[in-house]
Every structure is written in structure tokens, then in C-alpha cells.
Amino acid sequence: MTKAAPDLRLKRAYDPIGSDDGARILVDRLWPRGIRKEALALTLWLKEIAPTAALRSWFGHDPGRFEEFSRRYRAELDANAAAVARLEAFLEQGRVTLLYSARDVVHNDAVVLADYLRTRG
């Protein structure tokens, strides 16, 4: 029996809160600029699942580096079992919306993380 795909969504932290967001988990290491903590209605800020500062700095949101960034970040996730397990526990309970602050909605760590979670197991 194959595992069902997780009910996972991605949303910029600056987007409006949806009544169907489920658990709202911020997956950035840094707090989004200009947003008060209360305004995000977070379930959890899981900053330990974000890419390391060194990897984030190397990537610099350069779309030309995204493929290599994805490979390196997946390796970091493989080595970060505790944080991945914590996030997967929320996915077992229902819908999860991963929040991120990057302007680029295609080339960012939350996109890699969501794909990683969808393809595990």
C-alpha cells in the first residue's frame, strides 16, 4: 500500500491567511520583514528545517543556482531527521501550509522542501 500524498500547500508569509490553510508553519530561518508575529497566525515557526546560513548565502536567490541549491538542501534535509519528522507529524494530522518570505515563488527553499516531503517514502 502506498502512502497518500501529503495535503501540503505553499504560501508567501505576506499573503492573506486562508480559512483552509490548516497548520501554518513558517519554514524560513529568518523572520519575514515587516510582519508582526501575531499577524501570521502561526502554528509553528520551524526555523531548524530551513537551509543553513551558508547554503542560503551561497544560493542568494539566484535562479541559475536553483538546481544545485535543491540538491544541497535535500542533502541537508536527509541529515536533519528530527526537523523533518516534526513537520511530517503535522502532515499526518491534515493540511499543512508552508509559509516563506522569498519574493520568487518558484525558486525558493519552501518549494524544495515541499517536493522533498511529497516524494519521501
PDB file of N, CA and C in Angstrom:
ATOM      1  N   MET A   1       0.846  -1.180   0.000  1.00  0.00           N
ATOM      2  CA  MET A   1       0.000   0.000   0.000  1.00  0.00           C
ATOM      3  C   MET A   1       0.888   1.238   0.000  1.00  0.00           C
ATOM      4  N   THR A   2       0.662   2.138  -0.917  1.00  0.00           N
ATOM      5  CA  THR A   2       1.469   3.353  -0.982  1.00  0.00           C
ATOM      6  C   THR A   2       0.886   4.424  -0.075  1.00  0.00           C
ATOM      7  N   LYS A   3       1.783   5.249   0.409  1.00  0.00           N
ATOM      8  CA  LYS A   3       1.393   6.336   1.280  1.00  0.00           C
ATOM      9  C   LYS A   3       0.699   7.423   0.464  1.00  0.00           C
ATOM     10  N   ALA A   4      -0.372   8.000   0.989  1.00  0.00           N
ATOM     11  CA  ALA A   4      -1.076   9.077   0.296  1.00  0.00           C
ATOM     12  C   ALA A   4      -0.195  10.325   0.271  1.00  0.00           C
ATOM     13  N   ALA A   5      -0.316  11.082  -0.801  1.00  0.00           N
ATOM     14  CA  ALA A   5       0.441  12.331  -0.907  1.00  0.00           C
ATOM     15  C   ALA A   5      -0.013  13.270   0.209  1.00  0.00           C
ATOM     16  N   PRO A   6       0.922  13.962   0.821  1.00  0.00           N
ATOM     17  CA  PRO A   6       0.549  14.872   1.902  1.00  0.00           C
ATOM     18  C   PRO A   6      -0.287  16.042   1.385  1.00  0.00           C
ATOM     19  N   ASP A   7      -1.191  16.521   2.221  1.00  0.00           N
ATOM     20  CA  ASP A   7      -2.013  17.691   1.898  1.00  0.00           C
ATOM     21  C   ASP A   7      -1.192  18.919   2.262  1.00  0.00           C
ATOM     22  N   LEU A   8      -0.422  19.369   1.306  1.00  0.00           N
ATOM     23  CA  LEU A   8       0.609  20.372   1.546  1.00  0.00           C
ATOM     24  C   LEU A   8       0.415  21.541   0.600  1.00  0.00           C
ATOM     25  N   ARG A   9       0.472  22.737   1.143  1.00  0.00           N
ATOM     26  CA  ARG A   9       0.358  23.958   0.347  1.00  0.00           C
ATOM     27  C   ARG A   9       1.535  24.871   0.644  1.00  0.00           C
ATOM     28  N   LEU A  10       1.793  25.759  -0.292  1.00  0.00           N
ATOM     29  CA  LEU A  10       2.832  26.774  -0.128  1.00  0.00           C
ATOM     30  C   LEU A  10       2.188  28.140  -0.223  1.00  0.00           C
ATOM     31  N   LYS A  11       2.694  29.067   0.594  1.00  0.00           N
ATOM     32  CA  LYS A  11       2.134  30.414   0.577  1.00  0.00           C
ATOM     33  C   LYS A  11       3.183  31.387   1.085  1.00  0.00           C
ATOM     34  N   ARG A  12       3.248  32.539   0.448  1.00  0.00           N
ATOM     35  CA  ARG A  12       4.134  33.582   0.969  1.00  0.00           C
ATOM     36  C   ARG A  12       3.587  34.069   2.307  1.00  0.00           C
ATOM     37  N   ALA A  13       4.464  34.397   3.211  1.00  0.00           N
ATOM     38  CA  ALA A  13       4.055  34.878   4.534  1.00  0.00           C
ATOM     39  C   ALA A  13       3.255  36.174   4.421  1.00  0.00           C
ATOM     40  N   TYR A  14       3.423  36.884   3.323  1.00  0.00           N
ATOM     41  CA  TYR A  14       2.749  38.171   3.120  1.00  0.00           C
ATOM     42  C   TYR A  14       1.357  38.016   2.526  1.00  0.00           C
ATOM     43  N   ASP A  15       0.992  36.796   2.113  1.00  0.00           N
ATOM     44  CA  ASP A  15      -0.331  36.546   1.550  1.00  0.00           C
ATOM     45  C   ASP A  15      -1.367  36.465   2.666  1.00  0.00           C
ATOM     46  N   PRO A  16      -2.635  36.742   2.338  1.00  0.00           N
ATOM     47  CA  PRO A  16      -3.686  36.677   3.364  1.00  0.00           C
ATOM     48  C   PRO A  16      -3.830  35.272   3.947  1.00  0.00           C
ATOM     49  N   ILE A  17      -4.218  35.222   5.205  1.00  0.00           N
ATOM     50  CA  ILE A  17      -4.487  33.955   5.886  1.00  0.00           C
ATOM     51  C   ILE A  17      -5.760  33.370   5.285  1.00  0.00           C
ATOM     52  N   GLY A  18      -5.725  32.067   4.990  1.00  0.00           N
ATOM     53  CA  GLY A  18      -6.901  31.394   4.453  1.00  0.00           C
ATOM     54  C   GLY A  18      -7.561  30.534   5.516  1.00  0.00           C
ATOM     55  N   SER A  19      -8.869  30.455   5.475  1.00  0.00           N
ATOM     56  CA  SER A  19      -9.575  29.637   6.463  1.00  0.00           C
ATOM     57  C   SER A  19      -9.283  28.151   6.252  1.00  0.00           C
ATOM     58  N   ASP A  20      -8.761  27.805   5.064  1.00  0.00           N
ATOM     59  CA  ASP A  20      -8.462  26.407   4.764  1.00  0.00           C
ATOM     60  C   ASP A  20      -6.965  26.112   4.762  1.00  0.00           C
ATOM     61  N   ASP A  21      -6.173  26.958   5.418  1.00  0.00           N
ATOM     62  CA  ASP A  21      -4.717  26.776   5.448  1.00  0.00           C
ATOM     63  C   ASP A  21      -4.276  25.563   6.269  1.00  0.00           C
ATOM     64  N   GLY A  22      -5.068  25.139   7.211  1.00  0.00           N
ATOM     65  CA  GLY A  22      -4.633  24.065   8.102  1.00  0.00           C
ATOM     66  C   GLY A  22      -3.533  24.581   9.021  1.00  0.00           C
ATOM     67  N   ALA A  23      -2.581  23.714   9.349  1.00  0.00           N
ATOM     68  CA  ALA A  23      -1.449  24.134  10.197  1.00  0.00           C
ATOM     69  C   ALA A  23      -0.567  25.079   9.380  1.00  0.00           C
ATOM     70  N   ARG A  24      -0.289  26.242   9.915  1.00  0.00           N
ATOM     71  CA  ARG A  24       0.532  27.254   9.229  1.00  0.00           C
ATOM     72  C   ARG A  24       1.929  27.222   9.837  1.00  0.00           C
ATOM     73  N   ILE A  25       2.900  26.771   9.029  1.00  0.00           N
ATOM     74  CA  ILE A  25       4.256  26.571   9.539  1.00  0.00           C
ATOM     75  C   ILE A  25       5.240  27.417   8.734  1.00  0.00           C
ATOM     76  N   LEU A  26       5.890  28.339   9.427  1.00  0.00           N
ATOM     77  CA  LEU A  26       6.920  29.171   8.810  1.00  0.00           C
ATOM     78  C   LEU A  26       8.198  28.354   8.730  1.00  0.00           C
ATOM     79  N   VAL A  27       8.758  28.227   7.502  1.00  0.00           N
ATOM     80  CA  VAL A  27       9.928  27.373   7.305  1.00  0.00           C
ATOM     81  C   VAL A  27      11.179  28.182   6.936  1.00  0.00           C
ATOM     82  N   ASP A  28      11.170  29.466   7.215  1.00  0.00           N
ATOM     83  CA  ASP A  28      12.338  30.327   6.998  1.00  0.00           C
ATOM     84  C   ASP A  28      13.156  30.410   8.281  1.00  0.00           C
ATOM     85  N   ARG A  29      14.459  30.549   8.120  1.00  0.00           N
ATOM     86  CA  ARG A  29      15.337  30.723   9.281  1.00  0.00           C
ATOM     87  C   ARG A  29      15.204  32.131   9.868  1.00  0.00           C
ATOM     88  N   LEU A  30      14.922  33.094   9.002  1.00  0.00           N
ATOM     89  CA  LEU A  30      14.781  34.490   9.425  1.00  0.00           C
ATOM     90  C   LEU A  30      13.306  34.885   9.407  1.00  0.00           C
ATOM     91  N   TRP A  31      12.934  35.747  10.367  1.00  0.00           N
ATOM     92  CA  TRP A  31      11.556  36.217  10.425  1.00  0.00           C
ATOM     93  C   TRP A  31      11.280  37.140   9.232  1.00  0.00           C
ATOM     94  N   PRO A  32      10.109  37.023   8.592  1.00  0.00           N
ATOM     95  CA  PRO A  32       9.774  37.888   7.451  1.00  0.00           C
ATOM     96  C   PRO A  32       9.734  39.368   7.860  1.00  0.00           C
ATOM     97  N   ARG A  33      10.370  40.188   7.053  1.00  0.00           N
ATOM     98  CA  ARG A  33      10.438  41.623   7.354  1.00  0.00           C
ATOM     99  C   ARG A  33       9.057  42.262   7.355  1.00  0.00           C
ATOM    100  N   GLY A  34       8.863  43.133   8.340  1.00  0.00           N
ATOM    101  CA  GLY A  34       7.666  43.949   8.380  1.00  0.00           C
ATOM    102  C   GLY A  34       6.398  43.250   8.827  1.00  0.00           C
ATOM    103  N   ILE A  35       6.498  42.055   9.348  1.00  0.00           N
ATOM    104  CA  ILE A  35       5.307  41.327   9.797  1.00  0.00           C
ATOM    105  C   ILE A  35       5.384  41.113  11.307  1.00  0.00           C
ATOM    106  N   ARG A  36       4.311  41.466  11.984  1.00  0.00           N
ATOM    107  CA  ARG A  36       4.224  41.199  13.418  1.00  0.00           C
ATOM    108  C   ARG A  36       3.933  39.721  13.631  1.00  0.00           C
ATOM    109  N   LYS A  37       4.443  39.174  14.698  1.00  0.00           N
ATOM    110  CA  LYS A  37       4.262  37.745  14.969  1.00  0.00           C
ATOM    111  C   LYS A  37       2.785  37.350  15.030  1.00  0.00           C
ATOM    112  N   GLU A  38       1.965  38.179  15.628  1.00  0.00           N
ATOM    113  CA  GLU A  38       0.539  37.859  15.755  1.00  0.00           C
ATOM    114  C   GLU A  38      -0.141  37.815  14.387  1.00  0.00           C
ATOM    115  N   ALA A  39       0.355  38.582  13.428  1.00  0.00           N
ATOM    116  CA  ALA A  39      -0.294  38.711  12.125  1.00  0.00           C
ATOM    117  C   ALA A  39      -0.187  37.436  11.282  1.00  0.00           C
ATOM    118  N   LEU A  40       0.741  36.553  11.597  1.00  0.00           N
ATOM    119  CA  LEU A  40       0.908  35.341  10.787  1.00  0.00           C
ATOM    120  C   LEU A  40       0.003  34.191  11.229  1.00  0.00           C
ATOM    121  N   ALA A  41      -0.530  34.255  12.414  1.00  0.00           N
ATOM    122  CA  ALA A  41      -1.373  33.175  12.943  1.00  0.00           C
ATOM    123  C   ALA A  41      -0.684  31.821  12.758  1.00  0.00           C
ATOM    124  N   LEU A  42       0.547  31.741  13.219  1.00  0.00           N
ATOM    125  CA  LEU A  42       1.363  30.543  13.031  1.00  0.00           C
ATOM    126  C   LEU A  42       0.951  29.414  13.966  1.00  0.00           C
ATOM    127  N   THR A  43       1.091  28.214  13.455  1.00  0.00           N
ATOM    128  CA  THR A  43       1.028  27.026  14.276  1.00  0.00           C
ATOM    129  C   THR A  43       2.414  26.773  14.854  1.00  0.00           C
ATOM    130  N   LEU A  44       3.444  27.018  14.008  1.00  0.00           N
ATOM    131  CA  LEU A  44       4.817  26.732  14.401  1.00  0.00           C
ATOM    132  C   LEU A  44       5.785  27.507  13.515  1.00  0.00           C
ATOM    133  N   TRP A  45       6.876  27.971  14.111  1.00  0.00           N
ATOM    134  CA  TRP A  45       7.992  28.508  13.340  1.00  0.00           C
ATOM    135  C   TRP A  45       9.087  27.445  13.417  1.00  0.00           C
ATOM    136  N   LEU A  46       9.266  26.698  12.335  1.00  0.00           N
ATOM    137  CA  LEU A  46      10.209  25.577  12.305  1.00  0.00           C
ATOM    138  C   LEU A  46      11.490  26.014  11.596  1.00  0.00           C
ATOM    139  N   LYS A  47      12.192  26.960  12.211  1.00  0.00           N
ATOM    140  CA  LYS A  47      13.375  27.521  11.549  1.00  0.00           C
ATOM    141  C   LYS A  47      14.501  26.514  11.394  1.00  0.00           C
ATOM    142  N   GLU A  48      14.518  25.449  12.205  1.00  0.00           N
ATOM    143  CA  GLU A  48      15.594  24.463  12.101  1.00  0.00           C
ATOM    144  C   GLU A  48      15.490  23.598  10.835  1.00  0.00           C
ATOM    145  N   ILE A  49      14.379  23.685  10.113  1.00  0.00           N
ATOM    146  CA  ILE A  49      14.261  22.925   8.862  1.00  0.00           C
ATOM    147  C   ILE A  49      14.737  23.742   7.664  1.00  0.00           C
ATOM    148  N   ALA A  50      14.976  25.009   7.865  1.00  0.00           N
ATOM    149  CA  ALA A  50      15.436  25.884   6.780  1.00  0.00           C
ATOM    150  C   ALA A  50      16.872  25.538   6.379  1.00  0.00           C
ATOM    151  N   PRO A  51      17.271  25.933   5.167  1.00  0.00           N
ATOM    152  CA  PRO A  51      18.665  25.710   4.765  1.00  0.00           C
ATOM    153  C   PRO A  51      19.624  26.409   5.722  1.00  0.00           C
ATOM    154  N   THR A  52      20.826  25.880   5.839  1.00  0.00           N
ATOM    155  CA  THR A  52      21.828  26.521   6.686  1.00  0.00           C
ATOM    156  C   THR A  52      22.123  27.924   6.161  1.00  0.00           C
ATOM    157  N   ALA A  53      22.651  28.751   7.027  1.00  0.00           N
ATOM    158  CA  ALA A  53      23.003  30.121   6.628  1.00  0.00           C
ATOM    159  C   ALA A  53      24.006  30.110   5.485  1.00  0.00           C
ATOM    160  N   ALA A  54      24.961  29.178   5.526  1.00  0.00           N
ATOM    161  CA  ALA A  54      25.967  29.104   4.464  1.00  0.00           C
ATOM    162  C   ALA A  54      25.325  28.753   3.124  1.00  0.00           C
ATOM    163  N   LEU A  55      24.407  27.808   3.103  1.00  0.00           N
ATOM    164  CA  LEU A  55      23.755  27.421   1.858  1.00  0.00           C
ATOM    165  C   LEU A  55      22.852  28.542   1.353  1.00  0.00           C
ATOM    166  N   ARG A  56      22.106  29.142   2.251  1.00  0.00           N
ATOM    167  CA  ARG A  56      21.225  30.247   1.870  1.00  0.00           C
ATOM    168  C   ARG A  56      22.025  31.398   1.268  1.00  0.00           C
ATOM    169  N   SER A  57      23.152  31.709   1.882  1.00  0.00           N
ATOM    170  CA  SER A  57      24.018  32.784   1.389  1.00  0.00           C
ATOM    171  C   SER A  57      24.596  32.431   0.018  1.00  0.00           C
ATOM    172  N   TRP A  58      25.048  31.187  -0.151  1.00  0.00           N
ATOM    173  CA  TRP A  58      25.599  30.754  -1.441  1.00  0.00           C
ATOM    174  C   TRP A  58      24.542  30.861  -2.544  1.00  0.00           C
ATOM    175  N   PHE A  59      23.321  30.422  -2.249  1.00  0.00           N
ATOM    176  CA  PHE A  59      22.240  30.442  -3.236  1.00  0.00           C
ATOM    177  C   PHE A  59      21.899  31.871  -3.636  1.00  0.00           C
ATOM    178  N   GLY A  60      21.709  32.739  -2.658  1.00  0.00           N
ATOM    179  CA  GLY A  60      21.403  34.141  -2.927  1.00  0.00           C
ATOM    180  C   GLY A  60      20.187  34.357  -3.810  1.00  0.00           C
ATOM    181  N   HIS A  61      19.258  33.432  -3.825  1.00  0.00           N
ATOM    182  CA  HIS A  61      18.037  33.507  -4.641  1.00  0.00           C
ATOM    183  C   HIS A  61      18.344  33.670  -6.125  1.00  0.00           C
ATOM    184  N   ASP A  62      19.452  33.085  -6.565  1.00  0.00           N
ATOM    185  CA  ASP A  62      19.855  33.110  -7.974  1.00  0.00           C
ATOM    186  C   ASP A  62      19.228  31.908  -8.680  1.00  0.00           C
ATOM    187  N   PRO A  63      18.252  32.141  -9.579  1.00  0.00           N
ATOM    188  CA  PRO A  63      17.601  31.018 -10.262  1.00  0.00           C
ATOM    189  C   PRO A  63      18.584  30.096 -10.989  1.00  0.00           C
ATOM    190  N   GLY A  64      19.715  30.622 -11.420  1.00  0.00           N
ATOM    191  CA  GLY A  64      20.725  29.805 -12.086  1.00  0.00           C
ATOM    192  C   GLY A  64      21.385  28.797 -11.165  1.00  0.00           C
ATOM    193  N   ARG A  65      21.295  29.023  -9.869  1.00  0.00           N
ATOM    194  CA  ARG A  65      21.875  28.109  -8.880  1.00  0.00           C
ATOM    195  C   ARG A  65      20.824  27.200  -8.242  1.00  0.00           C
ATOM    196  N   PHE A  66      19.568  27.315  -8.685  1.00  0.00           N
ATOM    197  CA  PHE A  66      18.488  26.615  -8.002  1.00  0.00           C
ATOM    198  C   PHE A  66      18.636  25.095  -8.036  1.00  0.00           C
ATOM    199  N   GLU A  67      19.031  24.548  -9.173  1.00  0.00           N
ATOM    200  CA  GLU A  67      19.168  23.092  -9.263  1.00  0.00           C
ATOM    201  C   GLU A  67      20.207  22.572  -8.266  1.00  0.00           C
ATOM    202  N   GLU A  68      21.357  23.224  -8.199  1.00  0.00           N
ATOM    203  CA  GLU A  68      22.398  22.809  -7.255  1.00  0.00           C
ATOM    204  C   GLU A  68      21.968  23.099  -5.816  1.00  0.00           C
ATOM    205  N   PHE A  69      21.300  24.228  -5.606  1.00  0.00           N
ATOM    206  CA  PHE A  69      20.762  24.555  -4.284  1.00  0.00           C
ATOM    207  C   PHE A  69      19.807  23.443  -3.832  1.00  0.00           C
ATOM    208  N   SER A  70      18.925  23.011  -4.740  1.00  0.00           N
ATOM    209  CA  SER A  70      17.957  21.958  -4.410  1.00  0.00           C
ATOM    210  C   SER A  70      18.671  20.680  -3.978  1.00  0.00           C
ATOM    211  N   ARG A  71      19.700  20.301  -4.730  1.00  0.00           N
ATOM    212  CA  ARG A  71      20.450  19.091  -4.401  1.00  0.00           C
ATOM    213  C   ARG A  71      21.089  19.215  -3.017  1.00  0.00           C
ATOM    214  N   ARG A  72      21.737  20.356  -2.763  1.00  0.00           N
ATOM    215  CA  ARG A  72      22.407  20.549  -1.466  1.00  0.00           C
ATOM    216  C   ARG A  72      21.401  20.631  -0.309  1.00  0.00           C
ATOM    217  N   TYR A  73      20.286  21.309  -0.531  1.00  0.00           N
ATOM    218  CA  TYR A  73      19.289  21.430   0.530  1.00  0.00           C
ATOM    219  C   TYR A  73      18.665  20.069   0.841  1.00  0.00           C
ATOM    220  N   ARG A  74      18.405  19.267  -0.181  1.00  0.00           N
ATOM    221  CA  ARG A  74      17.879  17.917   0.057  1.00  0.00           C
ATOM    222  C   ARG A  74      18.863  17.093   0.900  1.00  0.00           C
ATOM    223  N   ALA A  75      20.155  17.252   0.645  1.00  0.00           N
ATOM    224  CA  ALA A  75      21.163  16.554   1.456  1.00  0.00           C
ATOM    225  C   ALA A  75      21.091  17.034   2.902  1.00  0.00           C
ATOM    226  N   GLU A  76      20.900  18.334   3.092  1.00  0.00           N
ATOM    227  CA  GLU A  76      20.750  18.848   4.459  1.00  0.00           C
ATOM    228  C   GLU A  76      19.499  18.266   5.116  1.00  0.00           C
ATOM    229  N   LEU A  77      18.420  18.176   4.370  1.00  0.00           N
ATOM    230  CA  LEU A  77      17.186  17.607   4.922  1.00  0.00           C
ATOM    231  C   LEU A  77      17.370  16.135   5.291  1.00  0.00           C
ATOM    232  N   ASP A  78      18.092  15.396   4.450  1.00  0.00           N
ATOM    233  CA  ASP A  78      18.376  13.990   4.767  1.00  0.00           C
ATOM    234  C   ASP A  78      19.111  13.858   6.100  1.00  0.00           C
ATOM    235  N   ALA A  79      19.944  14.840   6.419  1.00  0.00           N
ATOM    236  CA  ALA A  79      20.733  14.816   7.656  1.00  0.00           C
ATOM    237  C   ALA A  79      19.998  15.471   8.828  1.00  0.00           C
ATOM    238  N   ASN A  80      18.788  15.951   8.593  1.00  0.00           N
ATOM    239  CA  ASN A  80      18.039  16.697   9.605  1.00  0.00           C
ATOM    240  C   ASN A  80      16.746  15.950   9.947  1.00  0.00           C
ATOM    241  N   ALA A  81      16.895  14.693  10.318  1.00  0.00           N
ATOM    242  CA  ALA A  81      15.743  13.810  10.535  1.00  0.00           C
ATOM    243  C   ALA A  81      14.763  14.329  11.583  1.00  0.00           C
ATOM    244  N   ALA A  82      15.252  14.958  12.632  1.00  0.00           N
ATOM    245  CA  ALA A  82      14.365  15.413  13.707  1.00  0.00           C
ATOM    246  C   ALA A  82      13.409  16.495  13.207  1.00  0.00           C
ATOM    247  N   ALA A  83      13.916  17.461  12.469  1.00  0.00           N
ATOM    248  CA  ALA A  83      13.063  18.544  11.968  1.00  0.00           C
ATOM    249  C   ALA A  83      12.088  18.013  10.920  1.00  0.00           C
ATOM    250  N   VAL A  84      12.555  17.130  10.054  1.00  0.00           N
ATOM    251  CA  VAL A  84      11.678  16.541   9.032  1.00  0.00           C
ATOM    252  C   VAL A  84      10.564  15.741   9.711  1.00  0.00           C
ATOM    253  N   ALA A  85      10.906  14.960  10.716  1.00  0.00           N
ATOM    254  CA  ALA A  85       9.907  14.167  11.434  1.00  0.00           C
ATOM    255  C   ALA A  85       8.878  15.070  12.119  1.00  0.00           C
ATOM    256  N   ARG A  86       9.339  16.180  12.643  1.00  0.00           N
ATOM    257  CA  ARG A  86       8.421  17.111  13.305  1.00  0.00           C
ATOM    258  C   ARG A  86       7.398  17.657  12.306  1.00  0.00           C
ATOM    259  N   LEU A  87       7.864  17.996  11.122  1.00  0.00           N
ATOM    260  CA  LEU A  87       6.966  18.500  10.085  1.00  0.00           C
ATOM    261  C   LEU A  87       6.043  17.390   9.582  1.00  0.00           C
ATOM    262  N   GLU A  88       6.569  16.199   9.406  1.00  0.00           N
ATOM    263  CA  GLU A  88       5.745  15.073   8.945  1.00  0.00           C
ATOM    264  C   GLU A  88       4.645  14.728   9.950  1.00  0.00           C
ATOM    265  N   ALA A  89       4.902  14.953  11.227  1.00  0.00           N
ATOM    266  CA  ALA A  89       3.871  14.705  12.242  1.00  0.00           C
ATOM    267  C   ALA A  89       2.665  15.621  12.026  1.00  0.00           C
ATOM    268  N   PHE A  90       2.912  16.869  11.622  1.00  0.00           N
ATOM    269  CA  PHE A  90       1.805  17.774  11.316  1.00  0.00           C
ATOM    270  C   PHE A  90       1.063  17.305  10.067  1.00  0.00           C
ATOM    271  N   LEU A  91       1.800  16.807   9.078  1.00  0.00           N
ATOM    272  CA  LEU A  91       1.175  16.328   7.846  1.00  0.00           C
ATOM    273  C   LEU A  91       0.271  15.124   8.099  1.00  0.00           C
ATOM    274  N   GLU A  92       0.607  14.325   9.094  1.00  0.00           N
ATOM    275  CA  GLU A  92      -0.233  13.177   9.439  1.00  0.00           C
ATOM    276  C   GLU A  92      -1.584  13.622  10.013  1.00  0.00           C
ATOM    277  N   GLN A  93      -1.628  14.839  10.551  1.00  0.00           N
ATOM    278  CA  GLN A  93      -2.858  15.357  11.156  1.00  0.00           C
ATOM    279  C   GLN A  93      -3.784  16.026  10.140  1.00  0.00           C
ATOM    280  N   GLY A  94      -3.251  16.377   8.959  1.00  0.00           N
ATOM    281  CA  GLY A  94      -4.092  17.047   7.956  1.00  0.00           C
ATOM    282  C   GLY A  94      -3.297  18.071   7.159  1.00  0.00           C
ATOM    283  N   ARG A  95      -4.009  19.019   6.611  1.00  0.00           N
ATOM    284  CA  ARG A  95      -3.406  20.018   5.729  1.00  0.00           C
ATOM    285  C   ARG A  95      -2.361  20.875   6.462  1.00  0.00           C
ATOM    286  N   VAL A  96      -1.271  21.122   5.738  1.00  0.00           N
ATOM    287  CA  VAL A  96      -0.204  21.994   6.229  1.00  0.00           C
ATOM    288  C   VAL A  96       0.097  23.026   5.147  1.00  0.00           C
ATOM    289  N   THR A  97       0.204  24.278   5.558  1.00  0.00           N
ATOM    290  CA  THR A  97       0.630  25.344   4.657  1.00  0.00           C
ATOM    291  C   THR A  97       2.008  25.796   5.101  1.00  0.00           C
ATOM    292  N   LEU A  98       2.985  25.618   4.201  1.00  0.00           N
ATOM    293  CA  LEU A  98       4.344  26.070   4.467  1.00  0.00           C
ATOM    294  C   LEU A  98       4.444  27.534   4.076  1.00  0.00           C
ATOM    295  N   LEU A  99       4.850  28.361   5.020  1.00  0.00           N
ATOM    296  CA  LEU A  99       4.992  29.792   4.777  1.00  0.00           C
ATOM    297  C   LEU A  99       6.449  30.149   4.571  1.00  0.00           C
ATOM    298  N   TYR A 100       6.703  31.038   3.623  1.00  0.00           N
ATOM    299  CA  TYR A 100       8.057  31.503   3.315  1.00  0.00           C
ATOM    300  C   TYR A 100       7.972  32.975   2.927  1.00  0.00           C
ATOM    301  N   SER A 101       9.100  33.665   2.945  1.00  0.00           N
ATOM    302  CA  SER A 101       9.075  35.101   2.646  1.00  0.00           C
ATOM    303  C   SER A 101       9.719  35.473   1.320  1.00  0.00           C
ATOM    304  N   ALA A 102      10.349  34.540   0.629  1.00  0.00           N
ATOM    305  CA  ALA A 102      11.028  34.845  -0.637  1.00  0.00           C
ATOM    306  C   ALA A 102      10.049  35.445  -1.650  1.00  0.00           C
ATOM    307  N   ARG A 103      10.543  36.396  -2.421  1.00  0.00           N
ATOM    308  CA  ARG A 103       9.712  37.001  -3.477  1.00  0.00           C
ATOM    309  C   ARG A 103       9.477  36.035  -4.632  1.00  0.00           C
ATOM    310  N   ASP A 104      10.481  35.238  -4.965  1.00  0.00           N
ATOM    311  CA  ASP A 104      10.407  34.296  -6.077  1.00  0.00           C
ATOM    312  C   ASP A 104       9.620  33.066  -5.619  1.00  0.00           C
ATOM    313  N   VAL A 105       8.450  32.873  -6.203  1.00  0.00           N
ATOM    314  CA  VAL A 105       7.586  31.777  -5.757  1.00  0.00           C
ATOM    315  C   VAL A 105       7.953  30.435  -6.382  1.00  0.00           C
ATOM    316  N   VAL A 106       8.911  30.430  -7.302  1.00  0.00           N
ATOM    317  CA  VAL A 106       9.328  29.203  -7.987  1.00  0.00           C
ATOM    318  C   VAL A 106      10.666  28.692  -7.481  1.00  0.00           C
ATOM    319  N   HIS A 107      11.583  29.610  -7.190  1.00  0.00           N
ATOM    320  CA  HIS A 107      12.952  29.244  -6.796  1.00  0.00           C
ATOM    321  C   HIS A 107      13.193  29.628  -5.342  1.00  0.00           C
ATOM    322  N   ASN A 108      12.719  28.809  -4.421  1.00  0.00           N
ATOM    323  CA  ASN A 108      12.952  29.084  -3.001  1.00  0.00           C
ATOM    324  C   ASN A 108      12.991  27.776  -2.216  1.00  0.00           C
ATOM    325  N   ASP A 109      13.433  27.864  -0.988  1.00  0.00           N
ATOM    326  CA  ASP A 109      13.614  26.663  -0.169  1.00  0.00           C
ATOM    327  C   ASP A 109      12.302  25.956   0.152  1.00  0.00           C
ATOM    328  N   ALA A 110      11.206  26.681   0.290  1.00  0.00           N
ATOM    329  CA  ALA A 110       9.921  26.043   0.599  1.00  0.00           C
ATOM    330  C   ALA A 110       9.471  25.144  -0.550  1.00  0.00           C
ATOM    331  N   VAL A 111       9.759  25.541  -1.792  1.00  0.00           N
ATOM    332  CA  VAL A 111       9.431  24.720  -2.956  1.00  0.00           C
ATOM    333  C   VAL A 111      10.203  23.400  -2.891  1.00  0.00           C
ATOM    334  N   VAL A 112      11.486  23.482  -2.570  1.00  0.00           N
ATOM    335  CA  VAL A 112      12.317  22.279  -2.451  1.00  0.00           C
ATOM    336  C   VAL A 112      11.809  21.406  -1.297  1.00  0.00           C
ATOM    337  N   LEU A 113      11.521  22.024  -0.172  1.00  0.00           N
ATOM    338  CA  LEU A 113      11.038  21.289   0.991  1.00  0.00           C
ATOM    339  C   LEU A 113       9.720  20.571   0.683  1.00  0.00           C
ATOM    340  N   ALA A 114       8.797  21.255   0.045  1.00  0.00           N
ATOM    341  CA  ALA A 114       7.506  20.638  -0.292  1.00  0.00           C
ATOM    342  C   ALA A 114       7.713  19.443  -1.224  1.00  0.00           C
ATOM    343  N   ASP A 115       8.550  19.597  -2.225  1.00  0.00           N
ATOM    344  CA  ASP A 115       8.831  18.488  -3.140  1.00  0.00           C
ATOM    345  C   ASP A 115       9.485  17.328  -2.401  1.00  0.00           C
ATOM    346  N   TYR A 116      10.408  17.653  -1.505  1.00  0.00           N
ATOM    347  CA  TYR A 116      11.090  16.641  -0.693  1.00  0.00           C
ATOM    348  C   TYR A 116      10.054  15.837   0.106  1.00  0.00           C
ATOM    349  N   LEU A 117       9.130  16.524   0.743  1.00  0.00           N
ATOM    350  CA  LEU A 117       8.122  15.847   1.562  1.00  0.00           C
ATOM    351  C   LEU A 117       7.171  15.018   0.718  1.00  0.00           C
ATOM    352  N   ARG A 118       6.827  15.518  -0.454  1.00  0.00           N
ATOM    353  CA  ARG A 118       5.891  14.805  -1.341  1.00  0.00           C
ATOM    354  C   ARG A 118       6.510  13.536  -1.919  1.00  0.00           C
ATOM    355  N   THR A 119       7.822  13.511  -2.070  1.00  0.00           N
ATOM    356  CA  THR A 119       8.469  12.367  -2.725  1.00  0.00           C
ATOM    357  C   THR A 119       9.106  11.390  -1.753  1.00  0.00           C
ATOM    358  N   ARG A 120       8.999  11.642  -0.470  1.00  0.00           N
ATOM    359  CA  ARG A 120       9.564  10.712   0.527  1.00  0.00           C
ATOM    360  C   ARG A 120       8.715   9.454   0.622  1.00  0.00           C
ATOM    361  N   GLY A 121       9.394   8.344   0.818  1.00  0.00           N
ATOM    362  CA  GLY A 121       8.685   7.093   1.044  1.00  0.00           C
ATOM    363  C   GLY A 121       7.994   6.610  -0.195  1.00  0.00           C
TER     364      GLY A 121
END
